[in-house]
């Protein structure tokens, strides 16, 4: 018997036939004809100098030599299959990028633009999970999360890597269908309330904007439509339902297209700064993926081009 390693195809043929104890089924698994499989096994038997199968009337059985050879080859090919499967899984995972973002930001800013990123990275599958909940970036498959957070959040959570995108500011907007509203005329428009702005003493409210605009601040509590979702409040403003105090970033497209106009009670923009910013966040405990780095760079470029 030669010390040379038998051909891999011959060993695969034997391993499949030994599992199935049927040459036809083994040949189908390997996508060869039964005749080709038999030829490979006969060549292996000739090289080893021993018969590996006992041919019977109703099929085949392993010979004593085949019984000795089969366990090691079966374990070896199982390891090869597992390694190949793991490699394919890693390749698929490397091509998938998961981003978590709040529904309002996803609807108003992210979704209309994401096709540009995908066009620039055709081999990448981007999955967007729209959720207001803070996802566990250390223990989940989420690569990046968009967070609307206080300015000191990075210092309080050093186990996360924070990329600051833009600081927030609030401005009042309304539909041009309501006409040219200026000065005191603005004070007569119905007020729309985004309830997601409520409850945080650091975030300016209608009371702050009205006072800064020189309008009666008591109107801030005088009824009006209230929405639990930012995107619904913006939709109402687009339909001319009233004056909305909105996040600048989330209505920038509507302002650029003149579907909404900015209220200028003093003849110039009146914007209230908010001690919060939009961040892209990832786990600092896991290595940064190239795809995530590309998405961060793209978002920042989009913000620069929009400004």
C-alpha atoms as a PDB file:
ATOM      1  CA  UNK A   1       0.000   0.000   0.000  1.00  0.00           C
ATOM      2  CA  UNK A   2       1.304   3.447  -0.934  1.00  0.00           C
ATOM      3  CA  UNK A   3       1.813   6.100   1.793  1.00  0.00           C
ATOM      4  CA  UNK A   4       0.392   8.735  -0.526  1.00  0.00           C
ATOM      5  CA  UNK A   5      -2.858  10.336   0.627  1.00  0.00           C
ATOM      6  CA  UNK A   6      -5.774   8.974  -1.453  1.00  0.00           C
ATOM      7  CA  UNK A   7      -7.642  11.493  -3.638  1.00  0.00           C
ATOM      8  CA  UNK A   8     -10.144  13.583  -1.667  1.00  0.00           C
ATOM      9  CA  UNK A   9     -12.970  12.787  -4.099  1.00  0.00           C
ATOM     10  CA  UNK A  10     -12.431   9.063  -3.537  1.00  0.00           C
ATOM     11  CA  UNK A  11     -12.494   9.533   0.242  1.00  0.00           C
ATOM     12  CA  UNK A  12     -15.706  11.608  -0.059  1.00  0.00           C
ATOM     13  CA  UNK A  13     -17.247   8.870  -2.178  1.00  0.00           C
ATOM     14  CA  UNK A  14     -16.424   6.226   0.410  1.00  0.00           C
ATOM     15  CA  UNK A  15     -17.632   8.375   3.357  1.00  0.00           C
ATOM     16  CA  UNK A  16     -21.000   9.068   1.690  1.00  0.00           C
ATOM     17  CA  UNK A  17     -21.485   5.448   0.627  1.00  0.00           C
ATOM     18  CA  UNK A  18     -20.571   4.244   4.139  1.00  0.00           C
ATOM     19  CA  UNK A  19     -23.210   6.533   5.673  1.00  0.00           C
ATOM     20  CA  UNK A  20     -25.955   5.566   3.249  1.00  0.00           C
ATOM     21  CA  UNK A  21     -24.891   1.945   2.588  1.00  0.00           C
ATOM     22  CA  UNK A  22     -26.408   2.657  -0.805  1.00  0.00           C
ATOM     23  CA  UNK A  23     -24.371   3.779  -3.813  1.00  0.00           C
ATOM     24  CA  UNK A  24     -27.320   5.422  -5.581  1.00  0.00           C
ATOM     25  CA  UNK A  25     -28.199   7.666  -2.609  1.00  0.00           C
ATOM     26  CA  UNK A  26     -24.531   8.517  -2.011  1.00  0.00           C
ATOM     27  CA  UNK A  27     -24.102   9.414  -5.688  1.00  0.00           C
ATOM     28  CA  UNK A  28     -27.173  11.677  -5.566  1.00  0.00           C
ATOM     29  CA  UNK A  29     -25.769  13.487  -2.504  1.00  0.00           C
ATOM     30  CA  UNK A  30     -22.470  14.110  -4.291  1.00  0.00           C
ATOM     31  CA  UNK A  31     -24.132  14.983  -7.616  1.00  0.00           C
ATOM     32  CA  UNK A  32     -22.339  12.219  -9.545  1.00  0.00           C
ATOM     33  CA  UNK A  33     -23.593   9.101 -11.284  1.00  0.00           C
ATOM     34  CA  UNK A  34     -23.609   5.763  -9.413  1.00  0.00           C
ATOM     35  CA  UNK A  35     -21.097   4.472 -11.965  1.00  0.00           C
ATOM     36  CA  UNK A  36     -18.692   7.344 -11.235  1.00  0.00           C
ATOM     37  CA  UNK A  37     -19.042   6.777  -7.498  1.00  0.00           C
ATOM     38  CA  UNK A  38     -18.325   3.040  -7.905  1.00  0.00           C
ATOM     39  CA  UNK A  39     -15.252   3.874  -9.982  1.00  0.00           C
ATOM     40  CA  UNK A  40     -13.893   6.199  -7.263  1.00  0.00           C
ATOM     41  CA  UNK A  41     -14.436   3.590  -4.551  1.00  0.00           C
ATOM     42  CA  UNK A  42     -12.745   0.841  -6.626  1.00  0.00           C
ATOM     43  CA  UNK A  43      -9.760   3.159  -7.164  1.00  0.00           C
ATOM     44  CA  UNK A  44      -9.589   3.785  -3.403  1.00  0.00           C
ATOM     45  CA  UNK A  45      -9.746   0.060  -2.671  1.00  0.00           C
ATOM     46  CA  UNK A  46      -6.961  -0.552  -5.188  1.00  0.00           C
ATOM     47  CA  UNK A  47      -4.760   2.087  -3.549  1.00  0.00           C
ATOM     48  CA  UNK A  48      -5.432   0.745  -0.027  1.00  0.00           C
ATOM     49  CA  UNK A  49      -5.131  -2.872  -1.118  1.00  0.00           C
ATOM     50  CA  UNK A  50      -8.298  -3.963   0.657  1.00  0.00           C
ATOM     51  CA  UNK A  51     -11.975  -4.201  -0.149  1.00  0.00           C
ATOM     52  CA  UNK A  52     -14.019  -1.616   1.733  1.00  0.00           C
ATOM     53  CA  UNK A  53     -17.473  -2.976   0.957  1.00  0.00           C
ATOM     54  CA  UNK A  54     -19.024  -6.381   0.734  1.00  0.00           C
ATOM     55  CA  UNK A  55     -21.337  -6.454  -2.275  1.00  0.00           C
ATOM     56  CA  UNK A  56     -24.604  -8.160  -1.441  1.00  0.00           C
ATOM     57  CA  UNK A  57     -27.719  -8.987  -3.434  1.00  0.00           C
ATOM     58  CA  UNK A  58     -29.724  -6.206  -1.797  1.00  0.00           C
ATOM     59  CA  UNK A  59     -26.987  -3.621  -1.460  1.00  0.00           C
ATOM     60  CA  UNK A  60     -23.645  -3.258   0.234  1.00  0.00           C
ATOM     61  CA  UNK A  61     -22.190  -3.618   3.710  1.00  0.00           C
ATOM     62  CA  UNK A  62     -18.910  -2.404   5.147  1.00  0.00           C
ATOM     63  CA  UNK A  63     -16.079  -4.882   5.208  1.00  0.00           C
ATOM     64  CA  UNK A  64     -13.746  -5.179   8.195  1.00  0.00           C
ATOM     65  CA  UNK A  65     -11.387  -2.694   6.526  1.00  0.00           C
ATOM     66  CA  UNK A  66     -14.286  -0.351   5.772  1.00  0.00           C
ATOM     67  CA  UNK A  67     -15.424  -0.501   9.403  1.00  0.00           C
ATOM     68  CA  UNK A  68     -11.937   0.563  10.507  1.00  0.00           C
ATOM     69  CA  UNK A  69     -11.713   3.428   8.016  1.00  0.00           C
ATOM     70  CA  UNK A  70     -15.232   4.813   8.281  1.00  0.00           C
ATOM     71  CA  UNK A  71     -15.253   6.454  11.791  1.00  0.00           C
ATOM     72  CA  UNK A  72     -12.180   8.627  11.203  1.00  0.00           C
ATOM     73  CA  UNK A  73     -13.315   9.773   7.762  1.00  0.00           C
ATOM     74  CA  UNK A  74     -16.844  10.479   9.002  1.00  0.00           C
ATOM     75  CA  UNK A  75     -15.470  12.649  11.827  1.00  0.00           C
ATOM     76  CA  UNK A  76     -13.050  14.393   9.479  1.00  0.00           C
ATOM     77  CA  UNK A  77     -15.673  15.263   6.862  1.00  0.00           C
ATOM     78  CA  UNK A  78     -18.057  16.388   9.614  1.00  0.00           C
ATOM     79  CA  UNK A  79     -15.396  18.869  10.751  1.00  0.00           C
ATOM     80  CA  UNK A  80     -14.888  20.044   7.174  1.00  0.00           C
ATOM     81  CA  UNK A  81     -18.642  20.545   6.696  1.00  0.00           C
ATOM     82  CA  UNK A  82     -18.872  22.414  10.003  1.00  0.00           C
ATOM     83  CA  UNK A  83     -15.941  24.666   9.075  1.00  0.00           C
ATOM     84  CA  UNK A  84     -17.457  25.466   5.681  1.00  0.00           C
ATOM     85  CA  UNK A  85     -20.859  26.133   7.225  1.00  0.00           C
ATOM     86  CA  UNK A  86     -19.290  28.439   9.809  1.00  0.00           C
ATOM     87  CA  UNK A  87     -17.390  30.286   7.087  1.00  0.00           C
ATOM     88  CA  UNK A  88     -20.566  30.794   5.026  1.00  0.00           C
ATOM     89  CA  UNK A  89     -22.429  32.000   8.108  1.00  0.00           C
ATOM     90  CA  UNK A  90     -19.685  34.502   8.892  1.00  0.00           C
ATOM     91  CA  UNK A  91     -19.726  35.709   5.290  1.00  0.00           C
ATOM     92  CA  UNK A  92     -23.481  36.266   5.496  1.00  0.00           C
ATOM     93  CA  UNK A  93     -23.156  38.028   8.847  1.00  0.00           C
ATOM     94  CA  UNK A  94     -20.382  40.264   7.515  1.00  0.00           C
ATOM     95  CA  UNK A  95     -22.725  41.402   4.751  1.00  0.00           C
ATOM     96  CA  UNK A  96     -25.527  42.340   7.182  1.00  0.00           C
ATOM     97  CA  UNK A  97     -25.555  45.602   9.135  1.00  0.00           C
ATOM     98  CA  UNK A  98     -28.237  46.141  11.786  1.00  0.00           C
ATOM     99  CA  UNK A  99     -29.225  49.675  12.809  1.00  0.00           C
ATOM    100  CA  UNK A 100     -31.677  50.549  15.575  1.00  0.00           C
ATOM    101  CA  UNK A 101     -33.349  53.970  15.326  1.00  0.00           C
ATOM    102  CA  UNK A 102     -36.416  55.712  16.811  1.00  0.00           C
ATOM    103  CA  UNK A 103     -39.543  55.534  14.602  1.00  0.00           C
ATOM    104  CA  UNK A 104     -39.804  59.318  14.208  1.00  0.00           C
ATOM    105  CA  UNK A 105     -36.224  59.732  13.054  1.00  0.00           C
ATOM    106  CA  UNK A 106     -36.525  56.652  10.827  1.00  0.00           C
ATOM    107  CA  UNK A 107     -39.679  57.949   9.140  1.00  0.00           C
ATOM    108  CA  UNK A 108     -38.713  61.608   8.799  1.00  0.00           C
ATOM    109  CA  UNK A 109     -35.000  61.545   8.057  1.00  0.00           C
ATOM    110  CA  UNK A 110     -33.479  58.098   7.675  1.00  0.00           C
ATOM    111  CA  UNK A 111     -35.865  56.128   5.456  1.00  0.00           C
ATOM    112  CA  UNK A 112     -36.020  58.692   2.615  1.00  0.00           C
ATOM    113  CA  UNK A 113     -32.218  58.642   2.301  1.00  0.00           C
ATOM    114  CA  UNK A 114     -31.099  55.088   2.998  1.00  0.00           C
ATOM    115  CA  UNK A 115     -31.395  53.931  -0.606  1.00  0.00           C
ATOM    116  CA  UNK A 116     -28.425  56.177  -1.418  1.00  0.00           C
ATOM    117  CA  UNK A 117     -26.282  54.305   1.119  1.00  0.00           C
ATOM    118  CA  UNK A 118     -27.409  50.916  -0.209  1.00  0.00           C
ATOM    119  CA  UNK A 119     -26.646  52.004  -3.780  1.00  0.00           C
ATOM    120  CA  UNK A 120     -23.120  52.917  -2.696  1.00  0.00           C
ATOM    121  CA  UNK A 121     -22.711  49.542  -0.909  1.00  0.00           C
ATOM    122  CA  UNK A 122     -24.551  47.000  -3.100  1.00  0.00           C
ATOM    123  CA  UNK A 123     -23.035  43.980  -1.330  1.00  0.00           C
ATOM    124  CA  UNK A 124     -24.299  45.088   2.068  1.00  0.00           C
ATOM    125  CA  UNK A 125     -27.696  44.190   3.529  1.00  0.00           C
ATOM    126  CA  UNK A 126     -28.898  46.933   5.864  1.00  0.00           C
ATOM    127  CA  UNK A 127     -31.584  46.079   8.404  1.00  0.00           C
ATOM    128  CA  UNK A 128     -33.315  48.935  10.224  1.00  0.00           C
ATOM    129  CA  UNK A 129     -35.114  48.179  13.487  1.00  0.00           C
ATOM    130  CA  UNK A 130     -37.381  51.130  14.292  1.00  0.00           C
ATOM    131  CA  UNK A 131     -37.793  51.203  18.063  1.00  0.00           C
ATOM    132  CA  UNK A 132     -37.896  53.873  20.742  1.00  0.00           C
ATOM    133  CA  UNK A 133     -36.432  51.412  23.270  1.00  0.00           C
ATOM    134  CA  UNK A 134     -32.708  51.438  24.012  1.00  0.00           C
ATOM    135  CA  UNK A 135     -31.293  48.181  22.645  1.00  0.00           C
ATOM    136  CA  UNK A 136     -28.488  46.255  24.373  1.00  0.00           C
ATOM    137  CA  UNK A 137     -25.547  46.960  22.077  1.00  0.00           C
ATOM    138  CA  UNK A 138     -23.246  44.542  23.918  1.00  0.00           C
ATOM    139  CA  UNK A 139     -25.419  41.427  23.841  1.00  0.00           C
ATOM    140  CA  UNK A 140     -27.498  41.802  20.674  1.00  0.00           C
ATOM    141  CA  UNK A 141     -26.757  41.642  16.954  1.00  0.00           C
ATOM    142  CA  UNK A 142     -27.388  45.402  16.574  1.00  0.00           C
ATOM    143  CA  UNK A 143     -24.284  47.124  15.215  1.00  0.00           C
ATOM    144  CA  UNK A 144     -25.343  50.749  15.636  1.00  0.00           C
ATOM    145  CA  UNK A 145     -28.114  52.646  17.391  1.00  0.00           C
ATOM    146  CA  UNK A 146     -29.355  56.165  16.753  1.00  0.00           C
ATOM    147  CA  UNK A 147     -29.966  57.822  20.100  1.00  0.00           C
ATOM    148  CA  UNK A 148     -31.444  61.192  21.023  1.00  0.00           C
ATOM    149  CA  UNK A 149     -29.616  61.750  24.287  1.00  0.00           C
ATOM    150  CA  UNK A 150     -28.373  64.416  26.704  1.00  0.00           C
ATOM    151  CA  UNK A 151     -25.081  66.031  25.775  1.00  0.00           C
ATOM    152  CA  UNK A 152     -23.301  64.423  28.738  1.00  0.00           C
ATOM    153  CA  UNK A 153     -24.456  60.883  27.850  1.00  0.00           C
ATOM    154  CA  UNK A 154     -21.053  59.855  26.390  1.00  0.00           C
ATOM    155  CA  UNK A 155     -19.300  60.683  29.664  1.00  0.00           C
ATOM    156  CA  UNK A 156     -21.846  58.677  31.659  1.00  0.00           C
ATOM    157  CA  UNK A 157     -21.623  55.574  29.451  1.00  0.00           C
ATOM    158  CA  UNK A 158     -17.962  54.982  28.552  1.00  0.00           C
ATOM    159  CA  UNK A 159     -18.687  51.365  27.573  1.00  0.00           C
ATOM    160  CA  UNK A 160     -20.315  52.779  24.441  1.00  0.00           C
ATOM    161  CA  UNK A 161     -18.660  54.619  21.584  1.00  0.00           C
ATOM    162  CA  UNK A 162     -20.607  57.812  20.756  1.00  0.00           C
ATOM    163  CA  UNK A 163     -20.465  59.739  17.468  1.00  0.00           C
ATOM    164  CA  UNK A 164     -22.240  63.066  17.816  1.00  0.00           C
ATOM    165  CA  UNK A 165     -24.256  63.950  14.724  1.00  0.00           C
ATOM    166  CA  UNK A 166     -26.152  67.171  15.451  1.00  0.00           C
ATOM    167  CA  UNK A 167     -27.402  69.100  18.442  1.00  0.00           C
ATOM    168  CA  UNK A 168     -31.135  69.545  18.560  1.00  0.00           C
ATOM    169  CA  UNK A 169     -33.102  72.767  18.354  1.00  0.00           C
ATOM    170  CA  UNK A 170     -36.826  73.441  18.258  1.00  0.00           C
ATOM    171  CA  UNK A 171     -38.657  75.726  15.864  1.00  0.00           C
ATOM    172  CA  UNK A 172     -42.296  76.448  15.065  1.00  0.00           C
ATOM    173  CA  UNK A 173     -43.566  75.406  11.637  1.00  0.00           C
ATOM    174  CA  UNK A 174     -46.862  75.478   9.774  1.00  0.00           C
ATOM    175  CA  UNK A 175     -48.311  74.705   6.366  1.00  0.00           C
ATOM    176  CA  UNK A 176     -48.134  77.463   3.711  1.00  0.00           C
ATOM    177  CA  UNK A 177     -51.799  76.668   3.094  1.00  0.00           C
ATOM    178  CA  UNK A 178     -52.510  78.712   6.230  1.00  0.00           C
ATOM    179  CA  UNK A 179     -51.213  81.835   4.484  1.00  0.00           C
ATOM    180  CA  UNK A 180     -48.577  84.367   5.454  1.00  0.00           C
ATOM    181  CA  UNK A 181     -48.790  84.256   9.230  1.00  0.00           C
ATOM    182  CA  UNK A 182     -46.633  86.808  11.023  1.00  0.00           C
ATOM    183  CA  UNK A 183     -46.398  88.470  14.405  1.00  0.00           C
ATOM    184  CA  UNK A 184     -49.623  88.386  16.403  1.00  0.00           C
ATOM    185  CA  UNK A 185     -51.313  86.382  13.635  1.00  0.00           C
ATOM    186  CA  UNK A 186     -49.238  83.385  14.743  1.00  0.00           C
ATOM    187  CA  UNK A 187     -50.798  83.650  18.176  1.00  0.00           C
ATOM    188  CA  UNK A 188     -54.195  82.863  16.699  1.00  0.00           C
ATOM    189  CA  UNK A 189     -53.153  79.618  15.028  1.00  0.00           C
ATOM    190  CA  UNK A 190     -54.123  76.351  16.739  1.00  0.00           C
ATOM    191  CA  UNK A 191     -51.172  74.774  18.543  1.00  0.00           C
ATOM    192  CA  UNK A 192     -50.129  71.194  17.832  1.00  0.00           C
ATOM    193  CA  UNK A 193     -48.462  69.325  20.679  1.00  0.00           C
ATOM    194  CA  UNK A 194     -45.826  66.605  20.254  1.00  0.00           C
ATOM    195  CA  UNK A 195     -46.168  64.722  23.531  1.00  0.00           C
ATOM    196  CA  UNK A 196     -42.700  63.221  23.112  1.00  0.00           C
ATOM    197  CA  UNK A 197     -41.348  66.669  23.984  1.00  0.00           C
ATOM    198  CA  UNK A 198     -43.314  66.814  27.218  1.00  0.00           C
ATOM    199  CA  UNK A 199     -42.150  65.766  30.656  1.00  0.00           C
ATOM    200  CA  UNK A 200     -38.473  66.723  30.347  1.00  0.00           C
ATOM    201  CA  UNK A 201     -37.761  70.022  32.141  1.00  0.00           C
ATOM    202  CA  UNK A 202     -34.611  70.514  30.052  1.00  0.00           C
ATOM    203  CA  UNK A 203     -36.545  70.497  26.764  1.00  0.00           C
ATOM    204  CA  UNK A 204     -38.217  73.818  25.828  1.00  0.00           C
ATOM    205  CA  UNK A 205     -42.003  73.812  25.510  1.00  0.00           C
ATOM    206  CA  UNK A 206     -44.614  75.911  23.780  1.00  0.00           C
ATOM    207  CA  UNK A 207     -44.593  78.182  26.821  1.00  0.00           C
ATOM    208  CA  UNK A 208     -40.910  78.988  26.242  1.00  0.00           C
ATOM    209  CA  UNK A 209     -41.364  79.609  22.514  1.00  0.00           C
ATOM    210  CA  UNK A 210     -44.443  81.816  22.926  1.00  0.00           C
ATOM    211  CA  UNK A 211     -42.729  83.882  25.608  1.00  0.00           C
ATOM    212  CA  UNK A 212     -39.631  84.335  23.429  1.00  0.00           C
ATOM    213  CA  UNK A 213     -41.896  85.294  20.502  1.00  0.00           C
ATOM    214  CA  UNK A 214     -43.666  87.948  22.558  1.00  0.00           C
ATOM    215  CA  UNK A 215     -46.968  86.065  22.371  1.00  0.00           C
ATOM    216  CA  UNK A 216     -49.284  85.129  25.269  1.00  0.00           C
ATOM    217  CA  UNK A 217     -47.704  82.119  26.964  1.00  0.00           C
ATOM    218  CA  UNK A 218     -51.062  81.098  28.438  1.00  0.00           C
ATOM    219  CA  UNK A 219     -52.002  79.716  25.011  1.00  0.00           C
ATOM    220  CA  UNK A 220     -49.563  76.840  25.628  1.00  0.00           C
ATOM    221  CA  UNK A 221     -52.171  75.060  27.761  1.00  0.00           C
ATOM    222  CA  UNK A 222     -55.279  76.207  25.877  1.00  0.00           C
ATOM    223  CA  UNK A 223     -56.266  72.924  24.239  1.00  0.00           C
ATOM    224  CA  UNK A 224     -55.054  71.876  20.809  1.00  0.00           C
ATOM    225  CA  UNK A 225     -54.298  68.534  19.194  1.00  0.00           C
ATOM    226  CA  UNK A 226     -51.871  66.275  21.037  1.00  0.00           C
ATOM    227  CA  UNK A 227     -49.876  63.427  19.452  1.00  0.00           C
ATOM    228  CA  UNK A 228     -47.878  60.653  21.105  1.00  0.00           C
ATOM    229  CA  UNK A 229     -45.787  60.126  17.950  1.00  0.00           C
ATOM    230  CA  UNK A 230     -43.654  62.865  16.402  1.00  0.00           C
ATOM    231  CA  UNK A 231     -44.323  61.752  12.834  1.00  0.00           C
ATOM    232  CA  UNK A 232     -48.087  62.063  13.409  1.00  0.00           C
ATOM    233  CA  UNK A 233     -47.708  65.611  14.691  1.00  0.00           C
ATOM    234  CA  UNK A 234     -45.689  66.509  11.582  1.00  0.00           C
ATOM    235  CA  UNK A 235     -48.333  64.906   9.353  1.00  0.00           C
ATOM    236  CA  UNK A 236     -51.013  67.076  10.997  1.00  0.00           C
ATOM    237  CA  UNK A 237     -48.926  70.222  10.460  1.00  0.00           C
ATOM    238  CA  UNK A 238     -48.502  69.323   6.786  1.00  0.00           C
ATOM    239  CA  UNK A 239     -52.281  69.181   6.461  1.00  0.00           C
ATOM    240  CA  UNK A 240     -52.662  72.689   7.885  1.00  0.00           C
ATOM    241  CA  UNK A 241     -53.935  71.663  11.322  1.00  0.00           C
ATOM    242  CA  UNK A 242     -51.944  74.359  13.097  1.00  0.00           C
ATOM    243  CA  UNK A 243     -48.570  75.490  14.394  1.00  0.00           C
ATOM    244  CA  UNK A 244     -46.143  72.786  15.501  1.00  0.00           C
ATOM    245  CA  UNK A 245     -43.074  73.079  17.730  1.00  0.00           C
ATOM    246  CA  UNK A 246     -40.762  70.613  16.027  1.00  0.00           C
ATOM    247  CA  UNK A 247     -37.233  69.201  15.994  1.00  0.00           C
ATOM    248  CA  UNK A 248     -35.375  71.030  13.229  1.00  0.00           C
ATOM    249  CA  UNK A 249     -33.698  67.921  11.875  1.00  0.00           C
ATOM    250  CA  UNK A 250     -36.998  66.067  11.559  1.00  0.00           C
ATOM    251  CA  UNK A 251     -38.716  68.786   9.505  1.00  0.00           C
ATOM    252  CA  UNK A 252     -35.695  69.905   7.457  1.00  0.00           C
ATOM    253  CA  UNK A 253     -36.873  68.111   4.314  1.00  0.00           C
ATOM    254  CA  UNK A 254     -40.319  69.692   4.605  1.00  0.00           C
ATOM    255  CA  UNK A 255     -38.754  73.136   5.050  1.00  0.00           C
ATOM    256  CA  UNK A 256     -36.419  72.617   2.076  1.00  0.00           C
ATOM    257  CA  UNK A 257     -39.360  71.622  -0.123  1.00  0.00           C
ATOM    258  CA  UNK A 258     -41.563  74.454   1.224  1.00  0.00           C
ATOM    259  CA  UNK A 259     -44.208  71.973   2.390  1.00  0.00           C
ATOM    260  CA  UNK A 260     -43.762  73.605   5.781  1.00  0.00           C
ATOM    261  CA  UNK A 261     -42.595  77.125   6.546  1.00  0.00           C
ATOM    262  CA  UNK A 262     -40.831  78.385   9.635  1.00  0.00           C
ATOM    263  CA  UNK A 263     -42.685  80.812  11.848  1.00  0.00           C
ATOM    264  CA  UNK A 264     -40.864  84.138  12.237  1.00  0.00           C
ATOM    265  CA  UNK A 265     -42.748  86.070  14.885  1.00  0.00           C
ATOM    266  CA  UNK A 266     -40.022  88.718  15.201  1.00  0.00           C
ATOM    267  CA  UNK A 267     -39.202  88.858  11.506  1.00  0.00           C
ATOM    268  CA  UNK A 268     -36.426  86.311  11.843  1.00  0.00           C
ATOM    269  CA  UNK A 269     -36.068  82.628  12.794  1.00  0.00           C
ATOM    270  CA  UNK A 270     -36.778  81.853  16.441  1.00  0.00           C
ATOM    271  CA  UNK A 271     -35.079  78.612  17.419  1.00  0.00           C
ATOM    272  CA  UNK A 272     -34.736  77.222  20.925  1.00  0.00           C
ATOM    273  CA  UNK A 273     -31.590  75.187  21.652  1.00  0.00           C
ATOM    274  CA  UNK A 274     -32.061  71.836  23.378  1.00  0.00           C
ATOM    275  CA  UNK A 275     -29.364  70.274  25.620  1.00  0.00           C
ATOM    276  CA  UNK A 276     -29.670  67.062  23.640  1.00  0.00           C
ATOM    277  CA  UNK A 277     -28.115  65.728  20.449  1.00  0.00           C
ATOM    278  CA  UNK A 278     -28.441  62.917  17.967  1.00  0.00           C
ATOM    279  CA  UNK A 279     -25.724  60.285  18.331  1.00  0.00           C
ATOM    280  CA  UNK A 280     -24.769  57.109  16.537  1.00  0.00           C
ATOM    281  CA  UNK A 281     -23.747  54.647  19.235  1.00  0.00           C
ATOM    282  CA  UNK A 282     -21.998  51.277  19.173  1.00  0.00           C
ATOM    283  CA  UNK A 283     -20.533  48.952  21.780  1.00  0.00           C
ATOM    284  CA  UNK A 284     -17.008  49.891  22.782  1.00  0.00           C
ATOM    285  CA  UNK A 285     -16.500  46.299  23.927  1.00  0.00           C
ATOM    286  CA  UNK A 286     -16.759  44.863  20.413  1.00  0.00           C
ATOM    287  CA  UNK A 287     -14.517  45.597  17.411  1.00  0.00           C
ATOM    288  CA  UNK A 288     -15.869  48.147  14.984  1.00  0.00           C
ATOM    289  CA  UNK A 289     -17.009  46.671  11.691  1.00  0.00           C
ATOM    290  CA  UNK A 290     -16.038  48.360   8.436  1.00  0.00           C
ATOM    291  CA  UNK A 291     -19.694  48.438   7.364  1.00  0.00           C
ATOM    292  CA  UNK A 292     -20.680  50.299  10.544  1.00  0.00           C
ATOM    293  CA  UNK A 293     -17.858  52.772  10.028  1.00  0.00           C
ATOM    294  CA  UNK A 294     -19.087  53.367   6.471  1.00  0.00           C
ATOM    295  CA  UNK A 295     -22.635  54.049   7.687  1.00  0.00           C
ATOM    296  CA  UNK A 296     -21.430  56.561  10.294  1.00  0.00           C
ATOM    297  CA  UNK A 297     -19.402  58.411   7.662  1.00  0.00           C
ATOM    298  CA  UNK A 298     -22.361  58.425   5.273  1.00  0.00           C
ATOM    299  CA  UNK A 299     -24.807  59.804   7.871  1.00  0.00           C
ATOM    300  CA  UNK A 300     -22.414  62.588   8.806  1.00  0.00           C
ATOM    301  CA  UNK A 301     -21.920  63.492   5.154  1.00  0.00           C
ATOM    302  CA  UNK A 302     -25.688  63.586   4.631  1.00  0.00           C
ATOM    303  CA  UNK A 303     -26.067  65.957   7.577  1.00  0.00           C
ATOM    304  CA  UNK A 304     -23.347  68.252   6.212  1.00  0.00           C
ATOM    305  CA  UNK A 305     -24.953  68.354   2.778  1.00  0.00           C
ATOM    306  CA  UNK A 306     -28.357  69.081   4.330  1.00  0.00           C
ATOM    307  CA  UNK A 307     -27.169  71.928   6.557  1.00  0.00           C
END
